[in-house]
Amino acid sequence: MRYFIEFSYHGKNYFGYQIQPNEITVQEELERALSTILREEIKTTGAGRTDTGVHAKKIFAHFDTVQNLDENLPYKLNSFLPNDIAVRRIFRVKDDFHARFDATFRTYEYNIALEKNPFTQDASWQMWKRTLDLEKMNGACKILFEYEDFTSFAKLHADNKTNNCKIYKAFWEQNGAELKFTISADRFLRNMVRAIVGTMVEIGNGKIQPTDLRKIIEDKNRNAAGTSAPPQGLFLVDVGYNWEQSEVEE
């Protein structure tokens, strides 16, 4: 039987979600906890792979087991897992429903702090006394909708079959001394959001003009875009599915 698990994590102490040799990852911690409690080897497949230091407010993974799971399993898992990983719920889905391939969209947020804030050191890009032109940055966001090939924002030498992504929304908003960038797409390339944010900041501080973004994208060259924003400001906040397709027939 296949189950979905909804969970969140603070990425500061992890080398990303996906298991890596000799590094601590979220997937490793999750599988260890599940395997220990269920007393069988459990392997998970996540909805996406976050990089080192990146956080997830809402993410899903699936796993298979022959057991009918106890409704108290989320509570047991949370007692076993580190404090920076929290399980929200676990529920049955169709045996072929896939956490990664059946996702219809993913939404990320990126936070920038314009004043020193001791409470967001691990959750935002600290840019003290910087002035960013939000109007120009939102103007650049509209240009993103004109394109689907985002090679210029992809990690170099990544093994992607395609660099095409369909962006559904992208915008900046300000609340006091905090800026937040929200972007949603059918898929994202590795490092894509952080590369877009880094480029947008260069637009906001006047280093490049919003219209330059078209040439950057059309060059299909990572070196044409801005430096990647640091990881701690990035959050995966939602993953969408057609849940009707996941329902198990009784």
Protein backbone atom coordinates (compact mmCIF):
# COMPACT_ATOMS: atom_id res chain seq x y z
CA MET A 1 0.00 0.00 0.00
CA ARG A 2 1.17 3.50 -0.77
CA TYR A 3 1.01 6.37 1.70
CA PHE A 4 1.66 10.09 1.40
CA ILE A 5 3.34 11.94 4.23
CA GLU A 6 3.02 15.71 4.61
CA PHE A 7 5.82 17.32 6.59
CA SER A 8 7.98 20.41 7.04
CA TYR A 9 11.55 21.11 8.08
CA HIS A 10 14.08 23.79 8.88
CA GLY A 11 17.01 23.16 6.56
CA LYS A 12 19.87 24.77 8.50
CA ASN A 13 21.30 21.49 9.80
CA TYR A 14 20.84 19.45 6.62
CA PHE A 15 22.61 18.98 3.31
CA GLY A 16 19.29 19.18 1.50
CA TYR A 17 16.43 16.72 1.35
CA GLN A 18 17.86 13.89 -0.74
CA ILE A 19 20.16 11.26 0.77
CA GLN A 20 23.87 11.89 0.13
CA PRO A 21 26.91 9.81 1.12
CA ASN A 22 28.50 10.91 4.41
CA GLU A 23 26.12 13.87 4.88
CA ILE A 24 23.07 14.32 7.08
CA THR A 25 19.86 14.86 5.10
CA VAL A 26 16.15 15.17 5.78
CA GLN A 27 15.34 12.02 3.80
CA GLU A 28 17.79 10.01 5.88
CA GLU A 29 16.22 11.18 9.14
CA LEU A 30 12.69 10.54 7.87
CA GLU A 31 13.46 7.04 6.60
CA ARG A 32 15.31 6.13 9.79
CA ALA A 33 12.31 7.15 11.90
CA LEU A 34 9.77 5.35 9.70
CA SER A 35 11.87 2.18 9.50
CA THR A 36 12.40 2.10 13.26
CA ILE A 37 8.76 2.61 14.18
CA LEU A 38 7.31 0.31 11.49
CA ARG A 39 10.07 -2.30 11.96
CA GLU A 40 10.64 -2.66 8.22
CA GLU A 41 12.91 -0.91 5.73
CA ILE A 42 11.10 2.15 4.41
CA LYS A 43 12.24 4.16 1.40
CA THR A 44 10.65 7.50 0.59
CA THR A 45 10.28 9.47 -2.64
CA GLY A 46 10.01 13.21 -2.12
CA ALA A 47 8.08 15.80 -4.11
CA GLY A 48 11.33 17.66 -4.74
CA ARG A 49 14.96 18.06 -3.75
CA THR A 50 15.82 21.12 -1.72
CA ASP A 51 19.46 22.21 -1.54
CA THR A 52 21.66 22.52 1.54
CA GLY A 53 20.21 25.02 4.00
CA VAL A 54 16.88 25.43 2.20
CA HIS A 55 13.65 25.01 4.19
CA ALA A 56 10.24 23.46 3.49
CA LYS A 57 7.01 24.66 5.09
CA LYS A 58 4.97 22.10 3.19
CA ILE A 59 6.32 19.13 1.26
CA PHE A 60 5.13 15.61 0.51
CA ALA A 61 6.78 12.24 0.07
CA HIS A 62 5.39 8.76 -0.57
CA PHE A 63 6.39 5.37 0.75
CA ASP A 64 5.11 1.81 0.46
CA THR A 65 4.35 -0.67 3.21
CA VAL A 66 2.33 -3.87 3.69
CA GLN A 67 0.99 -2.55 6.99
CA ASN A 68 -2.26 -0.77 7.78
CA LEU A 69 -0.92 2.30 9.54
CA ASP A 70 -2.00 3.49 12.95
CA GLU A 71 -3.64 6.93 13.00
CA ASN A 72 -1.21 7.84 15.78
CA LEU A 73 1.81 7.33 13.50
CA PRO A 74 2.39 11.10 12.93
CA TYR A 75 2.54 11.61 16.70
CA LYS A 76 4.97 8.72 17.12
CA LEU A 77 7.16 10.01 14.30
CA ASN A 78 7.28 13.52 15.73
CA SER A 79 8.41 12.09 19.06
CA PHE A 80 11.23 10.25 17.29
CA LEU A 81 12.31 12.88 14.74
CA PRO A 82 14.61 15.85 15.46
CA ASN A 83 12.87 19.08 16.45
CA ASP A 84 13.58 20.67 13.05
CA ILE A 85 11.45 18.09 11.16
CA ALA A 86 7.68 17.94 11.76
CA VAL A 87 5.17 15.47 10.30
CA ARG A 88 1.71 16.92 9.66
CA ARG A 89 -0.28 13.95 8.40
CA ILE A 90 -0.04 10.54 6.71
CA PHE A 91 -2.74 9.23 4.39
CA ARG A 92 -3.38 6.40 1.93
CA VAL A 93 -3.27 7.03 -1.84
CA LYS A 94 -3.53 4.90 -4.96
CA ASP A 95 -0.57 2.57 -5.40
CA ASP A 96 0.63 4.40 -8.51
CA PHE A 97 0.21 7.95 -7.21
CA HIS A 98 3.65 9.58 -7.20
CA ALA A 99 4.86 12.39 -4.93
CA ARG A 100 7.21 13.81 -7.55
CA PHE A 101 5.74 13.01 -10.96
CA ASP A 102 2.09 13.69 -10.09
CA ALA A 103 2.79 17.12 -8.63
CA THR A 104 1.03 19.81 -10.71
CA PHE A 105 2.85 22.82 -9.24
CA ARG A 106 5.37 23.86 -6.62
CA THR A 107 5.48 27.22 -4.88
CA TYR A 108 8.54 28.81 -3.28
CA GLU A 109 8.98 31.94 -1.19
CA TYR A 110 12.21 33.86 -0.70
CA ASN A 111 12.68 36.25 2.23
CA ILE A 112 14.96 39.29 2.40
CA ALA A 113 15.49 41.30 5.61
CA LEU A 114 16.32 44.97 5.00
CA GLU A 115 17.20 45.56 8.66
CA LYS A 116 19.25 43.48 11.06
CA ASN A 117 16.89 40.99 12.67
CA PRO A 118 18.23 38.39 15.13
CA PHE A 119 15.05 36.31 14.74
CA THR A 120 15.40 35.77 10.97
CA GLN A 121 19.15 35.14 10.67
CA ASP A 122 18.51 31.55 9.56
CA ALA A 123 15.42 32.33 7.49
CA SER A 124 16.25 35.29 5.26
CA TRP A 125 18.93 37.06 3.25
CA GLN A 126 20.15 39.84 5.53
CA MET A 127 20.57 42.98 3.39
CA TRP A 128 20.95 45.81 5.88
CA LYS A 129 20.61 49.39 4.71
CA ARG A 130 20.05 48.32 1.11
CA THR A 131 17.50 50.08 -1.09
CA LEU A 132 15.75 47.92 -3.66
CA ASP A 133 13.28 49.22 -6.26
CA LEU A 134 10.29 46.93 -5.81
CA GLU A 135 8.48 48.40 -8.82
CA LYS A 136 11.35 47.47 -11.13
CA MET A 137 11.60 44.00 -9.61
CA ASN A 138 7.88 43.35 -10.14
CA GLY A 139 8.21 44.68 -13.68
CA ALA A 140 10.93 42.09 -14.28
CA CYS A 141 8.66 39.38 -12.88
CA LYS A 142 6.22 39.98 -15.75
CA ILE A 143 9.02 39.22 -18.23
CA LEU A 144 9.42 35.73 -16.76
CA PHE A 145 5.96 34.79 -18.08
CA GLU A 146 7.16 35.36 -21.66
CA TYR A 147 9.58 32.41 -21.52
CA GLU A 148 9.72 28.69 -20.78
CA ASP A 149 13.42 27.87 -21.26
CA PHE A 150 15.26 28.92 -18.09
CA THR A 151 18.72 27.50 -18.83
CA SER A 152 20.26 30.79 -17.67
CA PHE A 153 19.01 30.08 -14.15
CA ALA A 154 19.91 26.38 -14.03
CA LYS A 155 22.81 24.94 -12.08
CA LEU A 156 25.74 24.32 -14.42
CA HIS A 157 26.27 20.72 -15.58
CA ALA A 158 22.97 19.59 -14.06
CA ASP A 159 21.54 16.43 -15.63
CA ASN A 160 18.22 17.84 -16.85
CA LYS A 161 16.32 16.33 -19.77
CA THR A 162 14.78 19.75 -20.37
CA ASN A 163 15.19 23.23 -18.91
CA ASN A 164 11.63 24.24 -19.77
CA CYS A 165 9.35 25.36 -16.94
CA LYS A 166 5.92 26.98 -16.97
CA ILE A 167 5.77 29.81 -14.43
CA TYR A 168 2.27 30.47 -13.06
CA LYS A 169 2.97 33.38 -10.75
CA ALA A 170 5.91 35.53 -9.67
CA PHE A 171 5.79 38.70 -7.58
CA TRP A 172 7.51 40.70 -4.83
CA GLU A 173 5.80 42.26 -1.83
CA GLN A 174 7.06 44.29 1.13
CA ASN A 175 5.97 44.23 4.75
CA GLY A 176 7.91 46.78 6.75
CA ALA A 177 11.60 45.88 6.55
CA GLU A 178 10.93 42.48 4.99
CA LEU A 179 10.68 41.58 1.32
CA LYS A 180 9.12 38.36 0.08
CA PHE A 181 9.33 36.87 -3.40
CA THR A 182 6.71 34.27 -4.35
CA ILE A 183 7.07 32.09 -7.42
CA SER A 184 5.01 29.09 -8.59
CA ALA A 185 5.64 26.80 -11.57
CA ASP A 186 4.96 23.31 -12.84
CA ARG A 187 8.59 22.42 -12.13
CA PHE A 188 11.85 24.10 -11.12
CA LEU A 189 15.44 23.54 -12.15
CA ARG A 190 18.08 23.03 -9.50
CA ASN A 191 19.14 26.42 -8.07
CA MET A 192 16.61 28.18 -10.32
CA VAL A 193 14.77 30.23 -7.69
CA ARG A 194 17.93 31.42 -5.97
CA ALA A 195 19.43 32.43 -9.34
CA ILE A 196 16.28 34.36 -10.25
CA VAL A 197 16.28 36.11 -6.86
CA GLY A 198 19.95 37.06 -7.22
CA THR A 199 19.24 38.53 -10.64
CA MET A 200 16.16 40.36 -9.39
CA VAL A 201 18.20 41.96 -6.61
CA GLU A 202 20.63 43.30 -9.22
CA ILE A 203 17.62 44.79 -11.01
CA GLY A 204 16.34 46.25 -7.74
CA ASN A 205 19.65 47.94 -6.91
CA GLY A 206 20.06 49.33 -10.44
CA LYS A 207 23.02 47.19 -11.48
CA ILE A 208 21.00 45.92 -14.44
CA GLN A 209 17.72 47.08 -16.00
CA PRO A 210 14.49 45.06 -16.07
CA THR A 211 14.62 44.85 -19.86
CA ASP A 212 18.09 43.23 -19.60
CA LEU A 213 16.31 40.18 -18.22
CA ARG A 214 15.13 39.22 -21.70
CA LYS A 215 18.70 39.02 -23.01
CA ILE A 216 19.80 37.10 -19.91
CA ILE A 217 17.10 34.47 -20.48
CA GLU A 218 17.63 34.32 -24.25
CA ASP A 219 21.40 33.83 -23.83
CA LYS A 220 20.70 30.45 -22.16
CA ASN A 221 23.92 30.90 -20.22
CA ARG A 222 24.13 30.69 -16.43
CA ASN A 223 27.04 33.14 -16.43
CA ALA A 224 24.75 35.81 -17.89
CA ALA A 225 22.49 35.84 -14.83
CA GLY A 226 23.16 37.18 -11.35
CA THR A 227 24.82 35.41 -8.43
CA SER A 228 22.59 32.96 -6.58
CA ALA A 229 20.92 34.26 -3.44
CA PRO A 230 21.98 32.46 -0.22
CA PRO A 231 19.98 29.33 0.67
CA GLN A 232 18.62 30.27 4.09
CA GLY A 233 16.03 32.68 2.66
CA LEU A 234 14.35 30.04 0.49
CA PHE A 235 11.26 28.07 1.51
CA LEU A 236 9.25 25.47 -0.38
CA VAL A 237 5.75 26.43 0.78
CA ASP A 238 3.35 24.31 -1.25
CA VAL A 239 3.10 21.37 -3.65
CA GLY A 240 -0.10 20.85 -5.63
CA TYR A 241 -1.78 17.64 -6.77
CA ASN A 242 -5.02 16.55 -8.36
CA TRP A 243 -6.13 14.83 -5.18
CA GLU A 244 -9.16 13.22 -6.85
CA GLN A 245 -6.72 11.05 -8.81
CA SER A 246 -5.14 9.87 -5.57
CA GLU A 247 -8.30 8.53 -3.96
CA VAL A 248 -8.36 4.84 -3.09
CA GLU A 249 -11.47 2.90 -4.00
CA GLU A 250 -12.97 1.08 -1.05
